[in-house]
């Protein structure tokens, strides 16, 4: 009886740990998705300004204005997005 109870407690602990990991993973996906949507929206706005003949400087709008550590543009590469660690409950 004690052995069975111990196994069930261990399984419950493992499931809780997995749940925390999955929540953190989901939160990271949401975070990345929000950042990518924001970058896409800026890019669309920049293209719309060009289409309307706006004389504003579009080089700093959208993804072209986002510089990486080498001075290059964002270019849709998500490897430069830093993901904040989740606090474990």
Protein backbone atom coordinates (compact mmCIF):
# COMPACT_ATOMS: atom_id res chain seq x y z
CA UNK A 1 0.00 0.00 0.00
CA UNK A 2 2.80 2.45 0.93
CA UNK A 3 4.72 1.56 -2.23
CA UNK A 4 1.68 2.24 -4.40
CA UNK A 5 1.08 5.56 -2.60
CA UNK A 6 4.72 6.56 -3.06
CA UNK A 7 4.57 5.80 -6.77
CA UNK A 8 1.40 7.87 -7.14
CA UNK A 9 2.97 10.79 -5.26
CA UNK A 10 6.04 10.61 -7.49
CA UNK A 11 3.84 10.52 -10.59
CA UNK A 12 1.89 13.54 -9.32
CA UNK A 13 5.14 15.43 -8.73
CA UNK A 14 6.34 14.57 -12.24
CA UNK A 15 3.06 15.72 -13.76
CA UNK A 16 3.20 19.00 -11.82
CA UNK A 17 6.77 19.57 -13.01
CA UNK A 18 5.76 18.82 -16.58
CA UNK A 19 2.82 21.22 -16.23
CA UNK A 20 5.16 24.02 -15.11
CA UNK A 21 7.49 23.31 -18.01
CA UNK A 22 4.64 23.32 -20.52
CA UNK A 23 3.26 26.59 -19.12
CA UNK A 24 6.70 28.20 -19.42
CA UNK A 25 7.04 26.91 -22.97
CA UNK A 26 3.60 28.22 -23.85
CA UNK A 27 4.40 31.62 -22.33
CA UNK A 28 7.62 31.76 -24.35
CA UNK A 29 5.73 30.99 -27.55
CA UNK A 30 3.20 33.72 -26.75
CA UNK A 31 6.05 36.18 -26.05
CA UNK A 32 7.81 35.37 -29.33
CA UNK A 33 4.52 35.56 -31.24
CA UNK A 34 3.77 39.01 -29.78
CA UNK A 35 7.24 40.27 -30.73
CA UNK A 36 6.96 38.89 -34.26
CA UNK A 37 3.47 40.36 -34.69
CA UNK A 38 4.72 43.75 -33.53
CA UNK A 39 7.67 43.60 -35.96
CA UNK A 40 5.37 42.52 -38.79
CA UNK A 41 2.94 45.35 -38.03
CA UNK A 42 5.79 47.86 -38.18
CA UNK A 43 6.94 46.42 -41.49
CA UNK A 44 3.41 46.61 -42.92
CA UNK A 45 3.07 50.22 -41.75
CA UNK A 46 6.38 51.06 -43.40
CA UNK A 47 5.28 49.51 -46.69
CA UNK A 48 1.95 51.32 -46.51
CA UNK A 49 3.76 54.64 -46.04
CA UNK A 50 5.84 53.92 -49.15
CA UNK A 51 2.71 53.07 -51.15
CA UNK A 52 0.99 56.33 -50.18
CA UNK A 53 4.01 58.35 -51.31
CA UNK A 54 4.93 59.58 -47.86
CA UNK A 55 8.16 61.59 -47.78
CA UNK A 56 9.09 60.35 -44.31
CA UNK A 57 12.27 58.37 -43.71
CA UNK A 58 11.22 54.71 -43.83
CA UNK A 59 14.71 53.39 -43.14
CA UNK A 60 13.99 53.40 -39.40
CA UNK A 61 10.48 52.02 -39.54
CA UNK A 62 9.66 48.34 -39.48
CA UNK A 63 12.21 45.58 -39.45
CA UNK A 64 14.83 47.59 -41.33
CA UNK A 65 15.30 49.88 -38.31
CA UNK A 66 15.90 47.04 -35.86
CA UNK A 67 19.63 46.48 -35.65
CA UNK A 68 21.36 43.37 -34.39
CA UNK A 69 24.76 43.29 -32.66
CA UNK A 70 26.51 43.40 -36.05
CA UNK A 71 24.57 46.45 -37.20
CA UNK A 72 22.43 44.42 -39.60
CA UNK A 73 18.67 44.43 -39.88
CA UNK A 74 16.36 42.07 -38.05
CA UNK A 75 15.49 40.17 -41.23
CA UNK A 76 12.92 37.94 -39.53
CA UNK A 77 15.53 35.94 -37.61
CA UNK A 78 14.03 35.15 -34.20
CA UNK A 79 17.35 33.94 -32.77
CA UNK A 80 18.03 37.47 -31.50
CA UNK A 81 14.85 37.57 -29.38
CA UNK A 82 15.69 37.08 -25.72
CA UNK A 83 13.20 35.03 -23.74
CA UNK A 84 12.80 35.95 -20.09
CA UNK A 85 12.85 32.93 -17.76
CA UNK A 86 9.64 32.07 -15.98
CA UNK A 87 9.40 32.16 -12.20
CA UNK A 88 8.60 28.70 -10.96
CA UNK A 89 5.65 28.38 -8.63
